[in-house]
Protein backbone atom coordinates (compact mmCIF):
# COMPACT_ATOMS: atom_id res chain seq x y z
CA UNK A 1 7.12 18.99 -22.28
CA UNK A 2 4.22 19.03 -24.81
CA UNK A 3 4.49 16.00 -27.17
CA UNK A 4 2.14 16.08 -30.18
CA UNK A 5 1.36 12.92 -32.35
CA UNK A 6 2.95 12.16 -35.68
CA UNK A 7 -0.20 13.19 -37.54
CA UNK A 8 -0.34 16.97 -37.49
CA UNK A 9 -3.42 19.09 -36.86
CA UNK A 10 -4.29 22.23 -38.74
CA UNK A 11 -6.87 24.58 -37.13
CA UNK A 12 -8.61 27.40 -38.76
CA UNK A 13 -8.44 30.48 -36.56
CA UNK A 14 -11.53 32.74 -36.19
CA UNK A 15 -13.68 34.58 -33.71
CA UNK A 16 -13.96 31.44 -31.50
CA UNK A 17 -10.21 30.91 -31.20
CA UNK A 18 -8.31 34.14 -32.05
CA UNK A 19 -7.58 35.25 -28.51
CA UNK A 20 -4.33 34.35 -26.86
CA UNK A 21 -5.68 32.21 -24.09
CA UNK A 22 -7.58 29.97 -26.46
CA UNK A 23 -4.68 29.64 -28.85
CA UNK A 24 -2.41 28.57 -26.00
CA UNK A 25 -4.83 25.84 -25.04
CA UNK A 26 -5.16 24.69 -28.62
CA UNK A 27 -1.39 24.39 -28.97
CA UNK A 28 -1.27 22.54 -25.76
CA UNK A 29 -4.08 20.24 -27.05
CA UNK A 30 -2.14 19.38 -30.26
CA UNK A 31 -2.46 22.24 -32.84
CA UNK A 32 0.60 22.35 -35.05
CA UNK A 33 -0.59 24.68 -37.85
CA UNK A 34 -2.83 27.70 -37.70
CA UNK A 35 -4.89 28.37 -40.83
CA UNK A 36 -6.06 31.95 -41.52
CA UNK A 37 -8.94 31.84 -43.99
CA UNK A 38 -8.83 34.99 -46.13
CA UNK A 39 -12.45 34.45 -47.22
CA UNK A 40 -13.48 35.99 -43.95
CA UNK A 41 -11.96 38.60 -41.63
CA UNK A 42 -9.99 41.82 -41.87
CA UNK A 43 -6.31 42.64 -41.92
CA UNK A 44 -6.73 44.02 -38.45
CA UNK A 45 -8.13 40.63 -37.30
CA UNK A 46 -5.38 38.66 -38.88
CA UNK A 47 -2.68 40.98 -37.43
CA UNK A 48 -4.01 40.39 -34.00
CA UNK A 49 -4.14 36.55 -34.50
CA UNK A 50 -0.58 36.53 -35.83
CA UNK A 51 0.76 38.59 -32.86
CA UNK A 52 -0.92 36.14 -30.43
CA UNK A 53 0.22 33.08 -32.30
CA UNK A 54 3.97 34.36 -32.09
CA UNK A 55 3.60 35.25 -28.43
CA UNK A 56 2.10 31.77 -27.52
CA UNK A 57 4.78 30.05 -29.62
CA UNK A 58 7.50 31.96 -27.79
CA UNK A 59 6.07 31.31 -24.34
CA UNK A 60 5.66 27.61 -24.80
CA UNK A 61 8.85 27.28 -26.86
CA UNK A 62 7.04 25.46 -29.64
CA UNK A 63 7.06 26.45 -33.31
CA UNK A 64 3.64 27.08 -34.86
CA UNK A 65 3.26 27.08 -38.53
CA UNK A 66 0.95 29.81 -40.11
CA UNK A 67 -0.95 28.89 -43.18
CA UNK A 68 -2.54 31.60 -45.27
CA UNK A 69 -5.51 30.40 -47.25
CA UNK A 70 -6.33 32.59 -50.25
CA UNK A 71 -10.09 32.86 -51.20
CA UNK A 72 -9.64 32.39 -54.92
CA UNK A 73 -12.31 33.02 -57.57
CA UNK A 74 -15.31 31.90 -55.68
CA UNK A 75 -18.35 32.39 -57.74
CA UNK A 76 -21.28 33.69 -55.82
CA UNK A 77 -24.79 35.08 -56.11
CA UNK A 78 -25.48 38.72 -55.39
CA UNK A 79 -27.98 40.30 -53.03
CA UNK A 80 -31.23 38.37 -52.37
CA UNK A 81 -34.14 39.18 -49.97
CA UNK A 82 -33.43 38.80 -46.23
CA UNK A 83 -35.48 35.50 -46.12
CA UNK A 84 -33.92 34.25 -49.25
CA UNK A 85 -35.67 32.78 -52.38
CA UNK A 86 -37.30 29.35 -52.39
CA UNK A 87 -36.99 27.46 -55.55
CA UNK A 88 -39.20 24.54 -56.58
CA UNK A 89 -38.40 21.64 -58.91
CA UNK A 90 -39.48 22.57 -62.35
CA UNK A 91 -39.21 26.37 -61.90
CA UNK A 92 -37.66 28.42 -64.69
CA UNK A 93 -35.17 30.98 -63.36
CA UNK A 94 -32.59 33.33 -64.97
CA UNK A 95 -29.04 33.88 -63.66
CA UNK A 96 -27.95 37.47 -64.68
CA UNK A 97 -24.64 39.18 -64.59
CA UNK A 98 -26.39 42.58 -65.16
CA UNK A 99 -27.99 42.98 -61.70
CA UNK A 100 -26.72 43.39 -58.18
CA UNK A 101 -30.02 42.45 -56.46
CA UNK A 102 -32.54 39.82 -57.23
CA UNK A 103 -35.86 40.58 -58.84
CA UNK A 104 -38.69 37.99 -59.22
CA UNK A 105 -37.06 34.95 -60.80
CA UNK A 106 -33.93 36.71 -61.90
CA UNK A 107 -30.93 36.02 -59.61
CA UNK A 108 -27.71 38.15 -59.82
CA UNK A 109 -24.35 36.46 -60.32
CA UNK A 110 -21.18 38.24 -59.31
CA UNK A 111 -18.91 36.61 -62.04
CA UNK A 112 -19.65 38.29 -65.40
CA UNK A 113 -18.15 35.63 -67.51
CA UNK A 114 -20.29 32.70 -66.29
CA UNK A 115 -22.64 32.92 -69.30
CA UNK A 116 -19.66 32.41 -71.64
CA UNK A 117 -18.31 29.46 -69.51
CA UNK A 118 -21.48 27.29 -69.51
CA UNK A 119 -23.57 25.79 -72.34
CA UNK A 120 -26.88 24.16 -72.72
CA UNK A 121 -27.22 21.05 -70.64
CA UNK A 122 -24.55 22.00 -68.08
CA UNK A 123 -25.29 21.58 -64.33
CA UNK A 124 -25.10 24.49 -61.94
CA UNK A 125 -24.99 23.75 -58.22
CA UNK A 126 -25.72 26.22 -55.43
CA UNK A 127 -25.63 26.11 -51.60
CA UNK A 128 -22.94 23.40 -51.45
CA UNK A 129 -24.69 21.27 -54.16
CA UNK A 130 -28.08 21.18 -52.31
CA UNK A 131 -29.83 23.07 -55.19
CA UNK A 132 -29.24 21.93 -58.73
CA UNK A 133 -29.97 23.88 -62.00
CA UNK A 134 -29.87 22.69 -65.48
CA UNK A 135 -28.81 25.17 -68.10
CA UNK A 136 -31.38 25.62 -70.87
CA UNK A 137 -29.82 28.46 -72.81
CA UNK A 138 -26.97 30.85 -72.19
CA UNK A 139 -26.60 34.30 -73.72
CA UNK A 140 -24.22 37.24 -73.35
CA UNK A 141 -25.33 38.17 -69.89
CA UNK A 142 -28.15 35.75 -68.84
CA UNK A 143 -28.46 32.04 -68.31
CA UNK A 144 -31.84 30.49 -68.40
CA UNK A 145 -32.06 27.50 -66.11
CA UNK A 146 -34.55 24.84 -64.94
CA UNK A 147 -34.66 24.12 -61.28
CA UNK A 148 -33.88 20.33 -60.71
CA UNK A 149 -34.20 20.24 -56.83
CA UNK A 150 -36.07 22.25 -54.19
CA UNK A 151 -34.36 24.63 -51.78
CA UNK A 152 -34.01 28.12 -50.43
CA UNK A 153 -31.07 30.23 -51.40
CA UNK A 154 -29.74 33.32 -49.71
CA UNK A 155 -27.45 36.13 -50.58
CA UNK A 156 -23.89 35.44 -51.56
CA UNK A 157 -24.42 31.67 -51.91
CA UNK A 158 -21.67 29.87 -53.72
CA UNK A 159 -21.95 28.47 -57.14
CA UNK A 160 -20.23 25.50 -58.62
CA UNK A 161 -20.24 24.17 -62.33
CA UNK A 162 -19.02 20.67 -62.23
CA UNK A 163 -19.61 20.13 -66.02
CA UNK A 164 -17.87 23.21 -67.31
CA UNK A 165 -14.43 24.78 -67.02
CA UNK A 166 -14.56 28.24 -65.37
CA UNK A 167 -12.05 30.51 -67.07
CA UNK A 168 -11.71 33.05 -64.11
CA UNK A 169 -8.10 33.79 -63.08
CA UNK A 170 -7.25 31.52 -60.15
CA UNK A 171 -5.36 34.37 -58.45
CA UNK A 172 -7.68 37.20 -58.12
CA UNK A 173 -6.93 40.97 -57.46
CA UNK A 174 -8.08 40.35 -53.86
CA UNK A 175 -5.71 37.37 -53.47
CA UNK A 176 -2.70 39.49 -54.58
CA UNK A 177 -3.62 42.06 -51.99
CA UNK A 178 -3.96 39.41 -49.40
CA UNK A 179 -0.85 37.66 -50.41
CA UNK A 180 1.24 40.80 -49.97
CA UNK A 181 -0.19 41.25 -46.41
CA UNK A 182 0.54 37.62 -45.62
CA UNK A 183 4.10 37.66 -46.86
CA UNK A 184 4.80 40.97 -44.96
CA UNK A 185 3.69 39.08 -41.80
CA UNK A 186 5.92 36.15 -42.58
CA UNK A 187 3.27 33.41 -43.23
CA UNK A 188 4.97 29.96 -43.68
CA UNK A 189 2.58 28.43 -46.27
CA UNK A 190 0.19 29.96 -48.80
CA UNK A 191 -2.85 27.74 -49.90
CA UNK A 192 -4.13 28.38 -53.36
CA UNK A 193 -7.85 27.81 -53.86
CA UNK A 194 -9.48 26.35 -56.95
CA UNK A 195 -6.17 25.29 -58.60
CA UNK A 196 -6.74 23.89 -62.08
CA UNK A 197 -3.23 22.99 -63.27
CA UNK A 198 0.47 23.23 -62.51
CA UNK A 199 0.66 26.67 -64.14
CA UNK A 200 -1.45 28.16 -61.40
CA UNK A 201 1.18 27.02 -58.85
CA UNK A 202 3.95 28.53 -61.01
CA UNK A 203 2.09 31.82 -61.19
CA UNK A 204 1.78 31.96 -57.40
CA UNK A 205 5.42 31.03 -56.79
CA UNK A 206 6.45 33.86 -59.07
CA UNK A 207 4.59 36.35 -56.85
CA UNK A 208 6.02 34.81 -53.77
CA UNK A 209 9.64 34.99 -55.19
CA UNK A 210 9.07 38.57 -56.38
CA UNK A 211 8.47 39.50 -52.68
CA UNK A 212 11.68 37.76 -51.63
CA UNK A 213 9.74 35.23 -49.57
CA UNK A 214 10.51 31.47 -49.08
CA UNK A 215 6.83 30.64 -48.11
CA UNK A 216 5.74 27.20 -49.48
CA UNK A 217 2.65 26.46 -51.42
CA UNK A 218 -0.30 24.31 -50.59
CA UNK A 219 -2.49 23.34 -53.67
CA UNK A 220 -6.07 22.82 -52.67
CA UNK A 221 -7.61 20.05 -54.82
CA UNK A 222 -11.25 21.12 -55.09
CA UNK A 223 -12.04 21.39 -58.86
CA UNK A 224 -12.64 18.63 -61.38
CA UNK A 225 -9.87 19.99 -63.60
CA UNK A 226 -7.39 19.65 -60.64
CA UNK A 227 -8.26 15.93 -60.25
CA UNK A 228 -7.49 15.39 -63.96
CA UNK A 229 -4.21 17.23 -63.63
CA UNK A 230 -3.27 15.94 -60.23
CA UNK A 231 0.12 14.59 -60.95
CA UNK A 232 1.40 17.63 -62.64
CA UNK A 233 0.03 19.74 -59.66
CA UNK A 234 1.67 17.64 -57.06
CA UNK A 235 5.06 17.70 -58.96
CA UNK A 236 4.85 21.54 -58.85
CA UNK A 237 3.49 22.24 -55.46
CA UNK A 238 5.02 21.98 -52.03
CA UNK A 239 2.04 20.45 -50.18
CA UNK A 240 -1.49 19.33 -50.98
CA UNK A 241 -4.98 19.79 -49.38
CA UNK A 242 -7.86 17.44 -50.10
CA UNK A 243 -10.51 20.15 -49.95
CA UNK A 244 -13.52 17.96 -49.69
CA UNK A 245 -16.10 20.86 -49.46
CA UNK A 246 -15.95 22.18 -52.94
CA UNK A 247 -14.55 18.92 -54.27
CA UNK A 248 -17.83 17.34 -53.27
CA UNK A 249 -19.76 19.71 -55.53
CA UNK A 250 -17.31 19.51 -58.41
CA UNK A 251 -17.57 15.65 -58.59
CA UNK A 252 -20.19 13.24 -57.33
CA UNK A 253 -20.05 13.01 -53.53
CA UNK A 254 -19.73 9.29 -53.59
CA UNK A 255 -16.40 9.63 -55.53
CA UNK A 256 -14.92 12.03 -52.91
CA UNK A 257 -13.55 9.22 -50.71
CA UNK A 258 -11.95 7.53 -53.70
CA UNK A 259 -10.43 10.75 -54.96
CA UNK A 260 -9.18 11.38 -51.43
CA UNK A 261 -7.30 8.09 -51.24
CA UNK A 262 -5.73 8.91 -54.67
CA UNK A 263 -4.60 12.32 -53.76
CA UNK A 264 -3.01 11.20 -50.48
CA UNK A 265 -1.35 8.16 -52.28
CA UNK A 266 0.23 10.56 -54.96
CA UNK A 267 1.29 13.05 -52.41
CA UNK A 268 2.95 10.28 -50.40
CA UNK A 269 4.81 9.01 -53.42
CA UNK A 270 6.35 12.48 -54.04
CA UNK A 271 7.00 13.13 -50.45
CA UNK A 272 4.71 16.18 -50.28
CA UNK A 273 2.67 16.88 -47.10
CA UNK A 274 -0.98 16.25 -47.52
CA UNK A 275 -3.82 17.74 -45.50
CA UNK A 276 -7.30 16.13 -45.38
CA UNK A 277 -9.85 18.82 -44.74
CA UNK A 278 -13.53 19.80 -44.44
CA UNK A 279 -16.22 18.67 -41.95
CA UNK A 280 -13.68 16.47 -40.04
CA UNK A 281 -15.66 16.91 -36.77
CA UNK A 282 -18.51 19.16 -37.92
CA UNK A 283 -20.93 18.30 -35.24
CA UNK A 284 -18.47 19.70 -32.72
CA UNK A 285 -19.40 23.32 -33.98
CA UNK A 286 -22.38 22.97 -31.52
CA UNK A 287 -21.73 19.77 -29.62
CA UNK A 288 -18.94 18.93 -27.18
CA UNK A 289 -18.48 15.40 -28.52
CA UNK A 290 -17.94 14.21 -31.98
CA UNK A 291 -20.11 11.55 -33.60
CA UNK A 292 -18.79 7.98 -34.19
CA UNK A 293 -18.91 8.59 -37.98
CA UNK A 294 -16.72 11.68 -37.67
CA UNK A 295 -14.27 9.81 -35.45
CA UNK A 296 -14.15 7.07 -38.02
CA UNK A 297 -13.69 9.53 -40.83
CA UNK A 298 -10.76 11.15 -39.04
CA UNK A 299 -9.19 7.73 -38.22
CA UNK A 300 -9.55 6.47 -41.91
CA UNK A 301 -7.74 9.74 -43.08
CA UNK A 302 -4.76 8.67 -40.83
CA UNK A 303 -4.89 5.05 -42.00
CA UNK A 304 -4.66 6.54 -45.53
CA UNK A 305 -1.40 8.26 -44.50
CA UNK A 306 -2.53 11.88 -44.38
CA UNK A 307 0.25 14.06 -42.93
CA UNK A 308 -2.34 16.40 -41.22
CA UNK A 309 -6.11 16.66 -40.62
CA UNK A 310 -7.69 20.10 -40.69
CA UNK A 311 -10.55 21.65 -38.58
CA UNK A 312 -12.48 24.48 -40.14
CA UNK A 313 -15.69 25.75 -38.49
CA UNK A 314 -15.03 23.48 -35.59
CA UNK A 315 -12.32 25.89 -34.36
CA UNK A 316 -13.06 29.14 -36.19
CA UNK A 317 -16.63 29.72 -35.01
CA UNK A 318 -17.50 26.61 -32.97
CA UNK A 319 -18.31 26.48 -29.32
CA UNK A 320 -15.65 23.81 -28.48
CA UNK A 321 -12.34 24.65 -30.28
CA UNK A 322 -10.04 23.26 -27.74
CA UNK A 323 -12.04 20.08 -27.34
CA UNK A 324 -12.14 19.61 -31.11
CA UNK A 325 -8.30 19.70 -31.17
CA UNK A 326 -8.10 17.33 -28.27
CA UNK A 327 -10.47 14.94 -29.97
CA UNK A 328 -8.35 14.83 -33.11
CA UNK A 329 -5.26 14.38 -31.09
CA UNK A 330 -6.82 11.41 -29.25
CA UNK A 331 -7.92 9.78 -32.57
CA UNK A 332 -4.42 10.19 -33.94
CA UNK A 333 -2.81 8.66 -30.85
CA UNK A 334 -5.10 5.59 -30.96
CA UNK A 335 -4.70 5.00 -34.70
CA UNK A 336 -0.96 5.55 -34.53
CA UNK A 337 -0.59 2.93 -31.83
CA UNK A 338 -2.52 0.46 -33.92
CA UNK A 339 -0.50 1.22 -37.09
CA UNK A 340 2.68 0.66 -35.24
CA UNK A 341 1.70 -3.02 -34.69
CA UNK A 342 1.76 -3.47 -38.41
CA UNK A 343 4.36 -0.88 -39.36
CA UNK A 344 5.77 -1.20 -42.91
CA UNK A 345 7.06 1.04 -45.64
CA UNK A 346 4.43 2.21 -48.14
CA UNK A 347 4.20 -0.79 -50.49
CA UNK A 348 5.23 1.07 -53.58
CA UNK A 349 8.37 2.34 -51.83
CA UNK A 350 9.86 -1.15 -51.75
CA UNK A 351 10.59 -0.93 -55.57
CA UNK A 352 14.15 -1.86 -56.58
CA UNK A 353 13.82 0.59 -59.48
CA UNK A 354 16.66 3.23 -59.72
CA UNK A 355 16.07 6.39 -57.68
CA UNK A 356 17.72 9.77 -57.84
CA UNK A 357 20.47 9.88 -55.22
CA UNK A 358 18.61 12.36 -52.95
CA UNK A 359 15.65 10.09 -52.78
CA UNK A 360 17.66 7.00 -52.34
CA UNK A 361 19.50 8.32 -49.36
CA UNK A 362 16.16 9.06 -47.61
CA UNK A 363 14.90 5.64 -48.49
CA UNK A 364 18.04 3.92 -47.32
CA UNK A 365 18.17 5.91 -44.05
CA UNK A 366 14.60 4.91 -43.34
CA UNK A 367 15.36 1.15 -44.02
CA UNK A 368 18.58 1.24 -42.02
CA UNK A 369 16.80 2.82 -39.04
CA UNK A 370 14.26 0.02 -38.93
CA UNK A 371 16.90 -2.71 -39.49
CA UNK A 372 19.15 -1.62 -36.59
CA UNK A 373 16.30 -0.62 -34.20
CA UNK A 374 17.29 3.04 -34.24
CA UNK A 375 15.67 5.14 -31.49
CA UNK A 376 15.59 8.32 -33.58
CA UNK A 377 16.32 9.52 -37.20
CA UNK A 378 18.05 13.00 -37.27
CA UNK A 379 17.60 14.96 -40.46
CA UNK A 380 19.95 17.88 -40.95
CA UNK A 381 18.14 20.00 -43.57
CA UNK A 382 18.25 23.56 -44.95
CA UNK A 383 15.01 23.30 -46.97
CA UNK A 384 12.94 20.64 -45.29
CA UNK A 385 13.53 18.10 -48.12
CA UNK A 386 15.37 15.51 -46.02
CA UNK A 387 12.78 15.29 -43.35
CA UNK A 388 9.90 15.33 -45.81
CA UNK A 389 11.45 12.41 -47.83
CA UNK A 390 12.17 10.24 -44.74
CA UNK A 391 8.68 11.04 -43.42
CA UNK A 392 7.02 9.53 -46.46
CA UNK A 393 8.11 6.07 -45.56
CA UNK A 394 6.00 6.08 -42.36
CA UNK A 395 8.35 4.07 -40.30
CA UNK A 396 7.25 5.20 -36.85
CA UNK A 397 10.75 6.17 -35.77
CA UNK A 398 10.62 9.85 -34.59
CA UNK A 399 12.35 12.39 -36.90
CA UNK A 400 14.36 15.14 -35.18
CA UNK A 401 15.18 17.93 -37.61
CA UNK A 402 18.06 20.39 -37.37
CA UNK A 403 18.02 23.45 -39.49
CA UNK A 404 19.54 26.91 -39.54
CA UNK A 405 16.39 28.48 -40.69
CA UNK A 406 13.35 29.21 -38.29
CA UNK A 407 11.06 29.35 -41.42
CA UNK A 408 11.96 25.63 -42.26
CA UNK A 409 11.38 24.81 -38.57
CA UNK A 410 7.80 26.13 -38.75
CA UNK A 411 7.13 24.59 -42.15
CA UNK A 412 8.22 21.13 -40.79
CA UNK A 413 5.35 21.41 -38.35
CA UNK A 414 3.14 20.17 -41.30
CA UNK A 415 5.28 17.10 -41.87
CA UNK A 416 4.23 13.78 -40.44
CA UNK A 417 6.44 12.22 -37.82
CA UNK A 418 8.70 15.26 -37.21
CA UNK A 419 8.77 15.35 -33.46
CA UNK A 420 11.08 18.08 -32.65
CA UNK A 421 13.22 20.67 -34.46
CA UNK A 422 16.39 22.41 -33.49
CA UNK A 423 17.47 25.67 -35.00
CA UNK A 424 21.24 26.50 -35.17
CA UNK A 425 22.78 29.92 -35.36
CA UNK A 426 23.94 30.31 -38.94
CA UNK A 427 24.89 27.59 -41.62
CA UNK A 428 27.32 25.81 -39.23
CA UNK A 429 28.59 22.28 -39.72
CA UNK A 430 26.84 20.16 -37.12
CA UNK A 431 29.15 17.44 -35.72
CA UNK A 432 27.97 14.05 -34.39
CA UNK A 433 29.15 14.91 -30.98
CA UNK A 434 26.91 18.09 -30.96
CA UNK A 435 24.00 16.02 -32.00
CA UNK A 436 24.66 13.73 -29.04
CA UNK A 437 24.60 16.66 -26.76
CA UNK A 438 21.42 18.04 -28.18
CA UNK A 439 19.55 14.77 -27.86
CA UNK A 440 20.71 14.16 -24.29
CA UNK A 441 20.18 17.52 -23.01
CA UNK A 442 16.59 17.50 -24.43
CA UNK A 443 15.94 13.93 -23.09
CA UNK A 444 15.00 12.67 -26.45
CA UNK A 445 17.74 9.96 -26.24
CA UNK A 446 19.69 8.13 -23.53
CA UNK A 447 22.94 6.33 -23.33
CA UNK A 448 23.12 3.28 -25.60
CA UNK A 449 20.48 4.43 -28.10
CA UNK A 450 21.25 4.06 -31.66
CA UNK A 451 20.67 7.15 -33.90
CA UNK A 452 20.70 7.39 -37.65
CA UNK A 453 21.76 10.78 -39.01
CA UNK A 454 20.99 12.09 -42.55
CA UNK A 455 22.78 15.23 -43.64
CA UNK A 456 21.36 17.30 -46.50
CA UNK A 457 19.87 14.62 -48.74
CA UNK A 458 19.24 17.07 -51.55
CA UNK A 459 22.77 18.52 -51.50
CA UNK A 460 26.05 17.41 -52.94
CA UNK A 461 27.55 16.61 -49.56
CA UNK A 462 24.77 14.13 -48.52
CA UNK A 463 25.68 11.43 -46.07
CA UNK A 464 24.16 8.81 -43.73
CA UNK A 465 25.83 7.85 -40.44
CA UNK A 466 25.17 5.87 -37.24
CA UNK A 467 25.97 6.94 -33.72
CA UNK A 468 25.39 5.32 -30.37
CA UNK A 469 24.60 7.81 -27.66
């Protein structure tokens, strides 16, 4: 039996990992969630990957969650010479929305409203922040800029504007087409890029509901506006991603670790799964072993109470996708063993302030499980709420989820501490004796073990009970 750690692992699937053999090895090494990045790849590519994932999941009898990541309104340069264009500090250049190809010191921009969105004095960053421009003057179609740092830029390089608000629609026409494809193929989560506020999440949810889907939403926090509106976004979304790549160009890089901790903390408070992403083990794109700094970064994300860690290029195009998964799994195992020596509720969860009944029952179940030395907590859930709100207390007692919905089973693979899920046939009433048999048959518990059972914390008929196997 394959047992993964409490901290979940999200892997971006690409040319290096889309075949069935590699996917199987990655699941066996610890992958819980497969991310499909719709900034790259064709529908044919994604159809093949989804088919392979479903076959591997069935053969291993392990649920694998599929996360569709929408590209969003990424602002990019147009076509430049093959060797790129080298910019020197002090150069004067023009960004133009009129051109498709570069000419002399005029660079094409593929977002026609950029001149309206920026003003004199704004900073424009290119090539992941390596090249900085200062806006001198902005007109109807052109932006005059001064180069503040040297560098060579190439075709389709990304552009960030940390000092301005980009008014481009967060959900683009491409995103809508991609979303329709994803929902037809029953993706479990949809990640929304460049979220600015809660309304962006509401807009995406309307599109999902219109397609009669129950896919959940991951809000990617990578814009300075999203940081300002963090609480309202977390209230509205189902899960959160600390997207450190673009976030590091939208705010000062030295602020990213601080914002990361804040995002994780807020997500924990609301019982929303949170993914820490970007360059987690970047050196493993070309090397079989991670650096010590990368291992420390991954470990600290777990100490911060991330639900999941994400691999991007490491598994999409890297030489060692399976080894990268195994490395993260080993880090999680080591950190979780250490945390168990000092296990405690999140400090702000010990409040005696009044709580809604649905939250209180999960909090009380977590406390009760600790107090009586329970072997397991069983969460009977129709939406995933009960398991998520037990999980946020991080009490290191394995959570076993029982649901009637295979979609919920897959979505729970993103939730910290959910060790195993059972899917029942139909919305049947699960009796305690049935739970005993499930746990004994699967060897998750043995005679004499104490088990705490929480039934439908978000419903009217919510209950907590204790059984002894």
